């Protein structure tokens, strides 16, 4: 199951494409930006998708952090994830920011893989 994970809750703007079946990060990018998530998120996601060689229709789920964090950053991540979910008709899974860390860490792989397989918060 392919999961596109998005985190815009705090100072970082991050995205990762995760194969939840193999607990493997196919591609990820994270930038410590403080502000400006709206300007950075879509180019980051585009880069992650290109690095992994995956099309949006191939993604099974979109995961996004929902806080705690900056209100504007959260809105950017939620809007992007919701838009992807609507266009592809795939579920959007919500996760609290404290459950995940930088996309390259093993903690993120584990938590996002669990989220990809079964979640109680699906939008």
PDB file of N, CA and C in Angstrom:
ATOM      1  N   UNK A   1       0.837  -1.165   0.000  1.00  0.00           N
ATOM      2  CA  UNK A   1       0.000   0.000   0.000  1.00  0.00           C
ATOM      3  C   UNK A   1       0.889   1.238   0.000  1.00  0.00           C
ATOM      4  N   UNK A   2       0.702   2.112  -0.960  1.00  0.00           N
ATOM      5  CA  UNK A   2       1.487   3.338  -1.051  1.00  0.00           C
ATOM      6  C   UNK A   2       0.779   4.467  -0.308  1.00  0.00           C
ATOM      7  N   UNK A   3       1.528   5.130   0.577  1.00  0.00           N
ATOM      8  CA  UNK A   3       1.008   6.235   1.369  1.00  0.00           C
ATOM      9  C   UNK A   3       1.855   7.469   1.094  1.00  0.00           C
ATOM     10  N   UNK A   4       1.199   8.564   0.711  1.00  0.00           N
ATOM     11  CA  UNK A   4       1.890   9.852   0.609  1.00  0.00           C
ATOM     12  C   UNK A   4       1.645  10.572   1.922  1.00  0.00           C
ATOM     13  N   UNK A   5       2.708  10.739   2.710  1.00  0.00           N
ATOM     14  CA  UNK A   5       2.617  11.378   4.021  1.00  0.00           C
ATOM     15  C   UNK A   5       3.053  12.834   3.909  1.00  0.00           C
ATOM     16  N   UNK A   6       2.259  13.724   4.505  1.00  0.00           N
ATOM     17  CA  UNK A   6       2.507  15.164   4.458  1.00  0.00           C
ATOM     18  C   UNK A   6       2.553  15.696   5.879  1.00  0.00           C
ATOM     19  N   UNK A   7       3.582  16.497   6.191  1.00  0.00           N
ATOM     20  CA  UNK A   7       3.682  17.116   7.510  1.00  0.00           C
ATOM     21  C   UNK A   7       4.006  18.589   7.353  1.00  0.00           C
ATOM     22  N   UNK A   8       3.064  19.435   7.741  1.00  0.00           N
ATOM     23  CA  UNK A   8       3.259  20.887   7.709  1.00  0.00           C
ATOM     24  C   UNK A   8       2.906  21.509   9.053  1.00  0.00           C
ATOM     25  N   UNK A   9       2.869  20.701  10.097  1.00  0.00           N
ATOM     26  CA  UNK A   9       2.393  21.166  11.397  1.00  0.00           C
ATOM     27  C   UNK A   9       3.361  22.126  12.083  1.00  0.00           C
ATOM     28  N   UNK A  10       4.655  21.891  11.970  1.00  0.00           N
ATOM     29  CA  UNK A  10       5.614  22.698  12.715  1.00  0.00           C
ATOM     30  C   UNK A  10       6.532  23.453  11.758  1.00  0.00           C
ATOM     31  N   UNK A  11       7.787  23.633  12.095  1.00  0.00           N
ATOM     32  CA  UNK A  11       8.710  24.424  11.272  1.00  0.00           C
ATOM     33  C   UNK A  11       9.128  23.728   9.990  1.00  0.00           C
ATOM     34  N   UNK A  12       9.023  22.418   9.941  1.00  0.00           N
ATOM     35  CA  UNK A  12       9.420  21.681   8.742  1.00  0.00           C
ATOM     36  C   UNK A  12       8.246  21.540   7.791  1.00  0.00           C
ATOM     37  N   UNK A  13       8.577  21.466   6.527  1.00  0.00           N
ATOM     38  CA  UNK A  13       7.606  21.158   5.479  1.00  0.00           C
ATOM     39  C   UNK A  13       8.113  19.863   4.863  1.00  0.00           C
ATOM     40  N   UNK A  14       7.347  18.780   5.041  1.00  0.00           N
ATOM     41  CA  UNK A  14       7.860  17.454   4.706  1.00  0.00           C
ATOM     42  C   UNK A  14       6.844  16.627   3.943  1.00  0.00           C
ATOM     43  N   UNK A  15       7.378  15.755   3.103  1.00  0.00           N
ATOM     44  CA  UNK A  15       6.548  14.764   2.413  1.00  0.00           C
ATOM     45  C   UNK A  15       7.376  13.505   2.235  1.00  0.00           C
ATOM     46  N   UNK A  16       6.683  12.380   2.288  1.00  0.00           N
ATOM     47  CA  UNK A  16       7.349  11.088   2.083  1.00  0.00           C
ATOM     48  C   UNK A  16       6.383  10.150   1.391  1.00  0.00           C
ATOM     49  N   UNK A  17       6.901   9.374   0.474  1.00  0.00           N
ATOM     50  CA  UNK A  17       6.110   8.316  -0.152  1.00  0.00           C
ATOM     51  C   UNK A  17       6.577   7.014   0.477  1.00  0.00           C
ATOM     52  N   UNK A  18       5.638   6.310   1.102  1.00  0.00           N
ATOM     53  CA  UNK A  18       5.967   5.132   1.890  1.00  0.00           C
ATOM     54  C   UNK A  18       5.239   3.918   1.352  1.00  0.00           C
ATOM     55  N   UNK A  19       5.970   2.820   1.215  1.00  0.00           N
ATOM     56  CA  UNK A  19       5.356   1.538   0.905  1.00  0.00           C
ATOM     57  C   UNK A  19       5.052   0.894   2.248  1.00  0.00           C
ATOM     58  N   UNK A  20       3.798   0.981   2.676  1.00  0.00           N
ATOM     59  CA  UNK A  20       3.413   0.502   4.003  1.00  0.00           C
ATOM     60  C   UNK A  20       3.501  -1.011   4.119  1.00  0.00           C
ATOM     61  N   UNK A  21       3.386  -1.727   3.023  1.00  0.00           N
ATOM     62  CA  UNK A  21       3.477  -3.188   3.072  1.00  0.00           C
ATOM     63  C   UNK A  21       4.888  -3.655   3.403  1.00  0.00           C
ATOM     64  N   UNK A  22       5.886  -2.920   2.903  1.00  0.00           N
ATOM     65  CA  UNK A  22       7.285  -3.286   3.135  1.00  0.00           C
ATOM     66  C   UNK A  22       7.956  -2.414   4.189  1.00  0.00           C
ATOM     67  N   UNK A  23       7.198  -1.470   4.802  1.00  0.00           N
ATOM     68  CA  UNK A  23       7.767  -0.518   5.768  1.00  0.00           C
ATOM     69  C   UNK A  23       9.006   0.168   5.190  1.00  0.00           C
ATOM     70  N   UNK A  24       8.843   0.692   3.980  1.00  0.00           N
ATOM     71  CA  UNK A  24       9.984   1.252   3.253  1.00  0.00           C
ATOM     72  C   UNK A  24       9.640   2.651   2.738  1.00  0.00           C
ATOM     73  N   UNK A  25      10.541   3.599   2.954  1.00  0.00           N
ATOM     74  CA  UNK A  25      10.389   4.943   2.399  1.00  0.00           C
ATOM     75  C   UNK A  25      10.949   4.922   0.984  1.00  0.00           C
ATOM     76  N   UNK A  26      10.088   5.204   0.013  1.00  0.00           N
ATOM     77  CA  UNK A  26      10.522   5.212  -1.384  1.00  0.00           C
ATOM     78  C   UNK A  26      11.215   6.518  -1.738  1.00  0.00           C
ATOM     79  N   UNK A  27      10.730   7.620  -1.173  1.00  0.00           N
ATOM     80  CA  UNK A  27      11.338   8.934  -1.390  1.00  0.00           C
ATOM     81  C   UNK A  27      10.823   9.869  -0.315  1.00  0.00           C
ATOM     82  N   UNK A  28      11.646  10.817   0.094  1.00  0.00           N
ATOM     83  CA  UNK A  28      11.212  11.797   1.088  1.00  0.00           C
ATOM     84  C   UNK A  28      12.008  13.077   0.941  1.00  0.00           C
ATOM     85  N   UNK A  29      11.413  14.157   1.429  1.00  0.00           N
ATOM     86  CA  UNK A  29      12.101  15.444   1.472  1.00  0.00           C
ATOM     87  C   UNK A  29      11.527  16.242   2.625  1.00  0.00           C
ATOM     88  N   UNK A  30      12.400  16.918   3.337  1.00  0.00           N
ATOM     89  CA  UNK A  30      11.987  17.762   4.452  1.00  0.00           C
ATOM     90  C   UNK A  30      12.838  19.021   4.457  1.00  0.00           C
ATOM     91  N   UNK A  31      12.165  20.158   4.600  1.00  0.00           N
ATOM     92  CA  UNK A  31      12.869  21.446   4.667  1.00  0.00           C
ATOM     93  C   UNK A  31      12.454  22.165   5.940  1.00  0.00           C
ATOM     94  N   UNK A  32      13.430  22.611   6.713  1.00  0.00           N
ATOM     95  CA  UNK A  32      13.149  23.460   7.875  1.00  0.00           C
ATOM     96  C   UNK A  32      12.932  24.873   7.353  1.00  0.00           C
ATOM     97  N   UNK A  33      11.683  25.325   7.339  1.00  0.00           N
ATOM     98  CA  UNK A  33      11.398  26.621   6.723  1.00  0.00           C
ATOM     99  C   UNK A  33      10.792  27.642   7.685  1.00  0.00           C
ATOM    100  N   UNK A  34      10.244  27.195   8.798  1.00  0.00           N
ATOM    101  CA  UNK A  34       9.590  28.117   9.718  1.00  0.00           C
ATOM    102  C   UNK A  34       8.244  28.566   9.182  1.00  0.00           C
ATOM    103  N   UNK A  35       8.266  29.396   8.173  1.00  0.00           N
ATOM    104  CA  UNK A  35       7.039  29.884   7.520  1.00  0.00           C
ATOM    105  C   UNK A  35       7.141  29.643   6.020  1.00  0.00           C
ATOM    106  N   UNK A  36       5.997  29.699   5.351  1.00  0.00           N
ATOM    107  CA  UNK A  36       6.000  29.570   3.905  1.00  0.00           C
ATOM    108  C   UNK A  36       5.642  28.186   3.407  1.00  0.00           C
ATOM    109  N   UNK A  37       4.887  27.441   4.195  1.00  0.00           N
ATOM    110  CA  UNK A  37       4.506  26.085   3.801  1.00  0.00           C
ATOM    111  C   UNK A  37       3.769  26.065   2.463  1.00  0.00           C
ATOM    112  N   UNK A  38       2.935  27.052   2.225  1.00  0.00           N
ATOM    113  CA  UNK A  38       2.150  27.078   0.983  1.00  0.00           C
ATOM    114  C   UNK A  38       3.052  27.148  -0.249  1.00  0.00           C
ATOM    115  N   UNK A  39       4.149  27.858  -0.142  1.00  0.00           N
ATOM    116  CA  UNK A  39       5.059  27.999  -1.277  1.00  0.00           C
ATOM    117  C   UNK A  39       5.945  26.769  -1.474  1.00  0.00           C
ATOM    118  N   UNK A  40       6.208  26.031  -0.431  1.00  0.00           N
ATOM    119  CA  UNK A  40       7.154  24.918  -0.493  1.00  0.00           C
ATOM    120  C   UNK A  40       6.513  23.546  -0.667  1.00  0.00           C
ATOM    121  N   UNK A  41       5.295  23.349  -0.161  1.00  0.00           N
ATOM    122  CA  UNK A  41       4.738  21.995  -0.088  1.00  0.00           C
ATOM    123  C   UNK A  41       4.577  21.322  -1.445  1.00  0.00           C
ATOM    124  N   UNK A  42       3.932  21.968  -2.392  1.00  0.00           N
ATOM    125  CA  UNK A  42       3.681  21.301  -3.673  1.00  0.00           C
ATOM    126  C   UNK A  42       4.962  20.983  -4.441  1.00  0.00           C
ATOM    127  N   UNK A  43       5.954  21.877  -4.472  1.00  0.00           N
ATOM    128  CA  UNK A  43       7.219  21.479  -5.103  1.00  0.00           C
ATOM    129  C   UNK A  43       7.906  20.308  -4.389  1.00  0.00           C
ATOM    130  N   UNK A  44       7.791  20.245  -3.063  1.00  0.00           N
ATOM    131  CA  UNK A  44       8.360  19.120  -2.319  1.00  0.00           C
ATOM    132  C   UNK A  44       7.654  17.833  -2.713  1.00  0.00           C
ATOM    133  N   UNK A  45       6.317  17.854  -2.736  1.00  0.00           N
ATOM    134  CA  UNK A  45       5.550  16.668  -3.108  1.00  0.00           C
ATOM    135  C   UNK A  45       5.865  16.247  -4.539  1.00  0.00           C
ATOM    136  N   UNK A  46       5.951  17.213  -5.432  1.00  0.00           N
ATOM    137  CA  UNK A  46       6.293  16.916  -6.826  1.00  0.00           C
ATOM    138  C   UNK A  46       7.644  16.210  -6.908  1.00  0.00           C
ATOM    139  N   UNK A  47       8.614  16.701  -6.171  1.00  0.00           N
ATOM    140  CA  UNK A  47       9.936  16.084  -6.163  1.00  0.00           C
ATOM    141  C   UNK A  47       9.923  14.672  -5.606  1.00  0.00           C
ATOM    142  N   UNK A  48       9.167  14.463  -4.534  1.00  0.00           N
ATOM    143  CA  UNK A  48       9.064  13.132  -3.923  1.00  0.00           C
ATOM    144  C   UNK A  48       8.430  12.148  -4.901  1.00  0.00           C
ATOM    145  N   UNK A  49       7.354  12.571  -5.560  1.00  0.00           N
ATOM    146  CA  UNK A  49       6.667  11.686  -6.508  1.00  0.00           C
ATOM    147  C   UNK A  49       7.580  11.347  -7.685  1.00  0.00           C
ATOM    148  N   UNK A  50       8.315  12.340  -8.178  1.00  0.00           N
ATOM    149  CA  UNK A  50       9.237  12.096  -9.297  1.00  0.00           C
ATOM    150  C   UNK A  50      10.377  11.177  -8.885  1.00  0.00           C
ATOM    151  N   UNK A  51      10.950  11.402  -7.686  1.00  0.00           N
ATOM    152  CA  UNK A  51      12.051  10.542  -7.203  1.00  0.00           C
ATOM    153  C   UNK A  51      11.604   9.092  -7.109  1.00  0.00           C
ATOM    154  N   UNK A  52      10.361   8.894  -6.665  1.00  0.00           N
ATOM    155  CA  UNK A  52       9.846   7.529  -6.494  1.00  0.00           C
ATOM    156  C   UNK A  52       9.320   6.943  -7.796  1.00  0.00           C
ATOM    157  N   UNK A  53       9.100   7.798  -8.805  1.00  0.00           N
ATOM    158  CA  UNK A  53       8.557   7.315 -10.072  1.00  0.00           C
ATOM    159  C   UNK A  53       7.124   6.833  -9.957  1.00  0.00           C
ATOM    160  N   UNK A  54       6.350   7.509  -9.106  1.00  0.00           N
ATOM    161  CA  UNK A  54       4.966   7.108  -8.830  1.00  0.00           C
ATOM    162  C   UNK A  54       4.008   8.209  -9.262  1.00  0.00           C
ATOM    163  N   UNK A  55       2.878   7.825  -9.820  1.00  0.00           N
ATOM    164  CA  UNK A  55       1.815   8.757 -10.201  1.00  0.00           C
ATOM    165  C   UNK A  55       0.807   8.853  -9.052  1.00  0.00           C
ATOM    166  N   UNK A  56       0.091   9.962  -8.978  1.00  0.00           N
ATOM    167  CA  UNK A  56      -0.873  10.157  -7.895  1.00  0.00           C
ATOM    168  C   UNK A  56      -1.944   9.072  -7.863  1.00  0.00           C
ATOM    169  N   UNK A  57      -2.364   8.589  -9.014  1.00  0.00           N
ATOM    170  CA  UNK A  57      -3.389   7.536  -9.034  1.00  0.00           C
ATOM    171  C   UNK A  57      -2.886   6.223  -8.453  1.00  0.00           C
ATOM    172  N   UNK A  58      -1.553   6.058  -8.351  1.00  0.00           N
ATOM    173  CA  UNK A  58      -0.985   4.846  -7.770  1.00  0.00           C
ATOM    174  C   UNK A  58      -0.967   4.881  -6.242  1.00  0.00           C
ATOM    175  N   UNK A  59      -1.130   6.072  -5.663  1.00  0.00           N
ATOM    176  CA  UNK A  59      -1.121   6.223  -4.205  1.00  0.00           C
ATOM    177  C   UNK A  59      -2.432   5.672  -3.648  1.00  0.00           C
ATOM    178  N   UNK A  60      -2.337   4.859  -2.593  1.00  0.00           N
ATOM    179  CA  UNK A  60      -3.526   4.245  -1.990  1.00  0.00           C
ATOM    180  C   UNK A  60      -4.150   5.104  -0.902  1.00  0.00           C
ATOM    181  N   UNK A  61      -3.329   5.899  -0.221  1.00  0.00           N
ATOM    182  CA  UNK A  61      -3.788   6.743   0.879  1.00  0.00           C
ATOM    183  C   UNK A  61      -2.918   7.964   1.001  1.00  0.00           C
ATOM    184  N   UNK A  62      -3.525   9.031   1.486  1.00  0.00           N
ATOM    185  CA  UNK A  62      -2.796  10.252   1.790  1.00  0.00           C
ATOM    186  C   UNK A  62      -2.873  10.466   3.293  1.00  0.00           C
ATOM    187  N   UNK A  63      -1.730  10.665   3.934  1.00  0.00           N
ATOM    188  CA  UNK A  63      -1.688  10.890   5.378  1.00  0.00           C
ATOM    189  C   UNK A  63      -1.186  12.302   5.632  1.00  0.00           C
ATOM    190  N   UNK A  64      -1.786  12.972   6.607  1.00  0.00           N
ATOM    191  CA  UNK A  64      -1.404  14.350   6.907  1.00  0.00           C
ATOM    192  C   UNK A  64      -1.475  14.585   8.409  1.00  0.00           C
ATOM    193  N   UNK A  65      -0.527  15.378   8.904  1.00  0.00           N
ATOM    194  CA  UNK A  65      -0.539  15.723  10.327  1.00  0.00           C
ATOM    195  C   UNK A  65      -1.583  16.810  10.576  1.00  0.00           C
ATOM    196  N   UNK A  66      -2.224  16.722  11.755  1.00  0.00           N
ATOM    197  CA  UNK A  66      -3.303  17.658  12.083  1.00  0.00           C
ATOM    198  C   UNK A  66      -3.034  18.441  13.361  1.00  0.00           C
ATOM    199  N   UNK A  67      -1.815  18.450  13.813  1.00  0.00           N
ATOM    200  CA  UNK A  67      -1.485  19.273  14.964  1.00  0.00           C
ATOM    201  C   UNK A  67      -0.936  18.439  16.111  1.00  0.00           C
ATOM    202  N   UNK A  68      -0.494  19.048  17.141  1.00  0.00           N
ATOM    203  CA  UNK A  68      -0.497  20.498  17.294  1.00  0.00           C
ATOM    204  C   UNK A  68       0.509  21.148  16.346  1.00  0.00           C
ATOM    205  N   UNK A  69       0.298  22.414  16.084  1.00  0.00           N
ATOM    206  CA  UNK A  69       1.186  23.145  15.194  1.00  0.00           C
ATOM    207  C   UNK A  69       0.584  24.453  14.761  1.00  0.00           C
ATOM    208  N   UNK A  70       1.230  25.095  13.811  1.00  0.00           N
ATOM    209  CA  UNK A  70       0.760  26.398  13.343  1.00  0.00           C
ATOM    210  C   UNK A  70      -0.529  26.228  12.541  1.00  0.00           C
ATOM    211  N   UNK A  71      -1.470  27.107  12.799  1.00  0.00           N
ATOM    212  CA  UNK A  71      -2.768  27.017  12.132  1.00  0.00           C
ATOM    213  C   UNK A  71      -2.618  27.105  10.614  1.00  0.00           C
ATOM    214  N   UNK A  72      -1.814  28.038  10.147  1.00  0.00           N
ATOM    215  CA  UNK A  72      -1.636  28.200   8.703  1.00  0.00           C
ATOM    216  C   UNK A  72      -0.964  26.975   8.101  1.00  0.00           C
ATOM    217  N   UNK A  73       0.074  26.471   8.741  1.00  0.00           N
ATOM    218  CA  UNK A  73       0.753  25.276   8.246  1.00  0.00           C
ATOM    219  C   UNK A  73      -0.186  24.084   8.179  1.00  0.00           C
ATOM    220  N   UNK A  74      -1.004  23.916   9.201  1.00  0.00           N
ATOM    221  CA  UNK A  74      -1.962  22.807   9.216  1.00  0.00           C
ATOM    222  C   UNK A  74      -2.959  22.926   8.068  1.00  0.00           C
ATOM    223  N   UNK A  75      -3.458  24.135   7.831  1.00  0.00           N
ATOM    224  CA  UNK A  75      -4.423  24.339   6.739  1.00  0.00           C
ATOM    225  C   UNK A  75      -3.805  23.993   5.393  1.00  0.00           C
ATOM    226  N   UNK A  76      -2.541  24.349   5.194  1.00  0.00           N
ATOM    227  CA  UNK A  76      -1.861  24.053   3.928  1.00  0.00           C
ATOM    228  C   UNK A  76      -1.781  22.547   3.712  1.00  0.00           C
ATOM    229  N   UNK A  77      -1.318  21.810   4.717  1.00  0.00           N
ATOM    230  CA  UNK A  77      -1.197  20.363   4.591  1.00  0.00           C
ATOM    231  C   UNK A  77      -2.537  19.676   4.414  1.00  0.00           C
ATOM    232  N   UNK A  78      -3.523  20.087   5.208  1.00  0.00           N
ATOM    233  CA  UNK A  78      -4.862  19.490   5.107  1.00  0.00           C
ATOM    234  C   UNK A  78      -5.500  19.771   3.752  1.00  0.00           C
ATOM    235  N   UNK A  79      -5.349  20.988   3.263  1.00  0.00           N
ATOM    236  CA  UNK A  79      -5.930  21.339   1.962  1.00  0.00           C
ATOM    237  C   UNK A  79      -5.315  20.523   0.835  1.00  0.00           C
ATOM    238  N   UNK A  80      -4.005  20.379   0.873  1.00  0.00           N
ATOM    239  CA  UNK A  80      -3.328  19.595  -0.167  1.00  0.00           C
ATOM    240  C   UNK A  80      -3.777  18.140  -0.106  1.00  0.00           C
ATOM    241  N   UNK A  81      -3.753  17.555   1.078  1.00  0.00           N
ATOM    242  CA  UNK A  81      -4.144  16.148   1.228  1.00  0.00           C
ATOM    243  C   UNK A  81      -5.596  15.939   0.826  1.00  0.00           C
ATOM    244  N   UNK A  82      -6.459  16.826   1.257  1.00  0.00           N
ATOM    245  CA  UNK A  82      -7.883  16.703   0.923  1.00  0.00           C
ATOM    246  C   UNK A  82      -8.096  16.816  -0.587  1.00  0.00           C
ATOM    247  N   UNK A  83      -7.399  17.747  -1.217  1.00  0.00           N
ATOM    248  CA  UNK A  83      -7.495  17.889  -2.672  1.00  0.00           C
ATOM    249  C   UNK A  83      -7.037  16.636  -3.394  1.00  0.00           C
ATOM    250  N   UNK A  84      -5.905  16.075  -2.973  1.00  0.00           N
ATOM    251  CA  UNK A  84      -5.417  14.834  -3.586  1.00  0.00           C
ATOM    252  C   UNK A  84      -6.424  13.709  -3.393  1.00  0.00           C
ATOM    253  N   UNK A  85      -6.982  13.618  -2.192  1.00  0.00           N
ATOM    254  CA  UNK A  85      -7.953  12.576  -1.902  1.00  0.00           C
ATOM    255  C   UNK A  85      -9.205  12.698  -2.748  1.00  0.00           C
ATOM    256  N   UNK A  86      -9.702  13.921  -2.916  1.00  0.00           N
ATOM    257  CA  UNK A  86     -10.908  14.127  -3.716  1.00  0.00           C
ATOM    258  C   UNK A  86     -10.677  13.784  -5.182  1.00  0.00           C
ATOM    259  N   UNK A  87      -9.564  14.237  -5.711  1.00  0.00           N
ATOM    260  CA  UNK A  87      -9.276  14.010  -7.128  1.00  0.00           C
ATOM    261  C   UNK A  87      -9.063  12.527  -7.430  1.00  0.00           C
ATOM    262  N   UNK A  88      -8.352  11.843  -6.550  1.00  0.00           N
ATOM    263  CA  UNK A  88      -8.037  10.424  -6.796  1.00  0.00           C
ATOM    264  C   UNK A  88      -9.078   9.468  -6.218  1.00  0.00           C
ATOM    265  N   UNK A  89     -10.009  10.011  -5.439  1.00  0.00           N
ATOM    266  CA  UNK A  89     -11.032   9.183  -4.758  1.00  0.00           C
ATOM    267  C   UNK A  89     -10.385   8.169  -3.795  1.00  0.00           C
ATOM    268  N   UNK A  90      -9.318   8.621  -3.141  1.00  0.00           N
ATOM    269  CA  UNK A  90      -8.604   7.787  -2.170  1.00  0.00           C
ATOM    270  C   UNK A  90      -8.754   8.421  -0.784  1.00  0.00           C
ATOM    271  N   UNK A  91      -8.671   7.632   0.290  1.00  0.00           N
ATOM    272  CA  UNK A  91      -8.859   8.173   1.636  1.00  0.00           C
ATOM    273  C   UNK A  91      -7.704   9.068   2.085  1.00  0.00           C
ATOM    274  N   UNK A  92      -8.055  10.007   2.945  1.00  0.00           N
ATOM    275  CA  UNK A  92      -7.083  10.867   3.607  1.00  0.00           C
ATOM    276  C   UNK A  92      -7.083  10.482   5.081  1.00  0.00           C
ATOM    277  N   UNK A  93      -5.912  10.157   5.595  1.00  0.00           N
ATOM    278  CA  UNK A  93      -5.757   9.698   6.967  1.00  0.00           C
ATOM    279  C   UNK A  93      -5.129  10.821   7.772  1.00  0.00           C
ATOM    280  N   UNK A  94      -5.690  11.093   8.943  1.00  0.00           N
ATOM    281  CA  UNK A  94      -5.198  12.171   9.802  1.00  0.00           C
ATOM    282  C   UNK A  94      -4.345  11.598  10.925  1.00  0.00           C
ATOM    283  N   UNK A  95      -3.254  12.293  11.239  1.00  0.00           N
ATOM    284  CA  UNK A  95      -2.366  11.845  12.310  1.00  0.00           C
ATOM    285  C   UNK A  95      -1.894  13.052  13.103  1.00  0.00           C
ATOM    286  N   UNK A  96      -1.733  12.871  14.391  1.00  0.00           N
ATOM    287  CA  UNK A  96      -1.220  13.949  15.217  1.00  0.00           C
ATOM    288  C   UNK A  96       0.284  14.081  15.013  1.00  0.00           C
ATOM    289  N   UNK A  97       0.768  15.313  15.013  1.00  0.00           N
ATOM    290  CA  UNK A  97       2.178  15.594  14.720  1.00  0.00           C
ATOM    291  C   UNK A  97       3.121  14.880  15.684  1.00  0.00           C
ATOM    292  N   UNK A  98       2.719  14.699  16.935  1.00  0.00           N
ATOM    293  CA  UNK A  98       3.619  14.064  17.898  1.00  0.00           C
ATOM    294  C   UNK A  98       3.797  12.572  17.630  1.00  0.00           C
ATOM    295  N   UNK A  99       2.983  11.997  16.744  1.00  0.00           N
ATOM    296  CA  UNK A  99       3.144  10.579  16.405  1.00  0.00           C
ATOM    297  C   UNK A  99       4.209  10.350  15.343  1.00  0.00           C
ATOM    298  N   UNK A 100       4.564  11.403  14.629  1.00  0.00           N
ATOM    299  CA  UNK A 100       5.541  11.262  13.554  1.00  0.00           C
ATOM    300  C   UNK A 100       6.660  12.270  13.730  1.00  0.00           C
ATOM    301  N   UNK A 101       7.799  11.983  13.118  1.00  0.00           N
ATOM    302  CA  UNK A 101       8.928  12.899  13.131  1.00  0.00           C
ATOM    303  C   UNK A 101       9.405  13.066  11.704  1.00  0.00           C
ATOM    304  N   UNK A 102      10.623  13.481  11.490  1.00  0.00           N
ATOM    305  CA  UNK A 102      11.118  13.721  10.132  1.00  0.00           C
ATOM    306  C   UNK A 102      10.928  12.485   9.259  1.00  0.00           C
ATOM    307  N   UNK A 103      10.558  12.666   7.971  1.00  0.00           N
ATOM    308  CA  UNK A 103      10.235  11.532   7.112  1.00  0.00           C
ATOM    309  C   UNK A 103      11.334  10.496   6.938  1.00  0.00           C
ATOM    310  N   UNK A 104      12.560  10.835   7.207  1.00  0.00           N
ATOM    311  CA  UNK A 104      13.622   9.858   6.999  1.00  0.00           C
ATOM    312  C   UNK A 104      13.852   8.966   8.221  1.00  0.00           C
ATOM    313  N   UNK A 105      13.185   9.254   9.320  1.00  0.00           N
ATOM    314  CA  UNK A 105      13.443   8.491  10.536  1.00  0.00           C
ATOM    315  C   UNK A 105      12.675   7.182  10.561  1.00  0.00           C
ATOM    316  N   UNK A 106      13.182   6.222  11.319  1.00  0.00           N
ATOM    317  CA  UNK A 106      12.492   4.940  11.431  1.00  0.00           C
ATOM    318  C   UNK A 106      11.180   5.100  12.178  1.00  0.00           C
ATOM    319  N   UNK A 107      11.093   6.064  13.093  1.00  0.00           N
ATOM    320  CA  UNK A 107       9.831   6.290  13.815  1.00  0.00           C
ATOM    321  C   UNK A 107       8.735   6.688  12.842  1.00  0.00           C
ATOM    322  N   UNK A 108       9.053   7.517  11.869  1.00  0.00           N
ATOM    323  CA  UNK A 108       8.059   7.918  10.882  1.00  0.00           C
ATOM    324  C   UNK A 108       7.663   6.743  10.021  1.00  0.00           C
ATOM    325  N   UNK A 109       8.626   5.962   9.580  1.00  0.00           N
ATOM    326  CA  UNK A 109       8.290   4.790   8.763  1.00  0.00           C
ATOM    327  C   UNK A 109       7.328   3.886   9.513  1.00  0.00           C
ATOM    328  N   UNK A 110       7.620   3.634  10.773  1.00  0.00           N
ATOM    329  CA  UNK A 110       6.766   2.750  11.560  1.00  0.00           C
ATOM    330  C   UNK A 110       5.376   3.341  11.737  1.00  0.00           C
ATOM    331  N   UNK A 111       5.302   4.602  12.154  1.00  0.00           N
ATOM    332  CA  UNK A 111       3.996   5.190  12.434  1.00  0.00           C
ATOM    333  C   UNK A 111       3.200   5.405  11.156  1.00  0.00           C
ATOM    334  N   UNK A 112       3.837   5.853  10.077  1.00  0.00           N
ATOM    335  CA  UNK A 112       3.107   6.087   8.842  1.00  0.00           C
ATOM    336  C   UNK A 112       2.699   4.760   8.211  1.00  0.00           C
ATOM    337  N   UNK A 113       3.497   3.715   8.398  1.00  0.00           N
ATOM    338  CA  UNK A 113       3.107   2.408   7.890  1.00  0.00           C
ATOM    339  C   UNK A 113       1.872   1.902   8.612  1.00  0.00           C
ATOM    340  N   UNK A 114       1.842   2.086   9.938  1.00  0.00           N
ATOM    341  CA  UNK A 114       0.649   1.697  10.699  1.00  0.00           C
ATOM    342  C   UNK A 114      -0.554   2.504  10.244  1.00  0.00           C
ATOM    343  N   UNK A 115      -0.365   3.798  10.055  1.00  0.00           N
ATOM    344  CA  UNK A 115      -1.452   4.666   9.612  1.00  0.00           C
ATOM    345  C   UNK A 115      -1.930   4.224   8.233  1.00  0.00           C
ATOM    346  N   UNK A 116      -0.996   3.856   7.377  1.00  0.00           N
ATOM    347  CA  UNK A 116      -1.361   3.429   6.026  1.00  0.00           C
ATOM    348  C   UNK A 116      -2.201   2.181   6.004  1.00  0.00           C
ATOM    349  N   UNK A 117      -1.974   1.286   6.946  1.00  0.00           N
ATOM    350  CA  UNK A 117      -2.708   0.015   6.964  1.00  0.00           C
ATOM    351  C   UNK A 117      -4.049   0.126   7.664  1.00  0.00           C
ATOM    352  N   UNK A 118      -4.101   0.825   8.783  1.00  0.00           N
ATOM    353  CA  UNK A 118      -5.365   0.922   9.509  1.00  0.00           C
ATOM    354  C   UNK A 118      -5.371   2.218  10.301  1.00  0.00           C
ATOM    355  N   UNK A 119      -6.416   2.986  10.131  1.00  0.00           N
ATOM    356  CA  UNK A 119      -6.514   4.263  10.830  1.00  0.00           C
ATOM    357  C   UNK A 119      -7.939   4.486  11.304  1.00  0.00           C
ATOM    358  N   UNK A 120      -8.051   5.128  12.448  1.00  0.00           N
ATOM    359  CA  UNK A 120      -9.377   5.437  12.940  1.00  0.00           C
ATOM    360  C   UNK A 120      -9.830   6.819  12.490  1.00  0.00           C
ATOM    361  N   UNK A 121      -8.893   7.630  12.036  1.00  0.00           N
ATOM    362  CA  UNK A 121      -9.233   8.968  11.588  1.00  0.00           C
ATOM    363  C   UNK A 121      -9.069   9.067  10.080  1.00  0.00           C
ATOM    364  N   UNK A 122     -10.118   8.755   9.357  1.00  0.00           N
ATOM    365  CA  UNK A 122     -10.073   8.830   7.897  1.00  0.00           C
ATOM    366  C   UNK A 122     -11.059   9.909   7.467  1.00  0.00           C
ATOM    367  N   UNK A 123     -10.595  10.776   6.595  1.00  0.00           N
ATOM    368  CA  UNK A 123     -11.403  11.915   6.151  1.00  0.00           C
ATOM    369  C   UNK A 123     -11.937  11.630   4.792  1.00  0.00           C
TER     370      UNK A 123
END
